[in-house]
């Protein structure tokens, strides 16, 4: 898995890239939570659920079904009660779905572990993508501050952080160009 920090970075960059400039801070915060929450499944180890179990690490919480459910809850949390369900709320649901689903997809790009149960609960098989350039992160804080942790961070900086920064820069340039063109008669 990529580090939790990297999952949050993806969410915040995507939120900044697609949200209007006046979007509330809680939009970015909700996106970051949606991107990190699937890794709460490591708590399964504490209650004796094995890694390979559908509720184990990289199981159901990394699936598209979980992304759909969490996105719905996240969108509802941002609803303006007086407006009812609007197009903006639908946008939130779709956005949070993709942000949550990005967690499993990023994990499927790593070079270790048992794979990701992307299709759970309908198919509990674990999958990797055909290309796995990202170094798998050690589980636990201690592992991040080791030589292995440094190798993981280098891998994530190149394969995730740099493309995210480029996306954010491209988005900012596009918005600036739109503002400039709107000023012309």
Foldseek 3Di string as FASTA:
>chain_A
DADLVLLLLLQLLVCLLPPPPPDDPVLSVLLSCLSNVLQVLCCVVVVPDDCLDLSHRLHPQQALVVLQVSQLVSLVVPDDVVVPCDVVSVVSSVSSSVSNNVNLLLQLLADDDLAHCHHPPVDGHHHHPPHRQAHDFDPDPVRCPDPSVVVNVVSCCVPRVVVSVVSSVVSVVVVVVVVVVVPDD
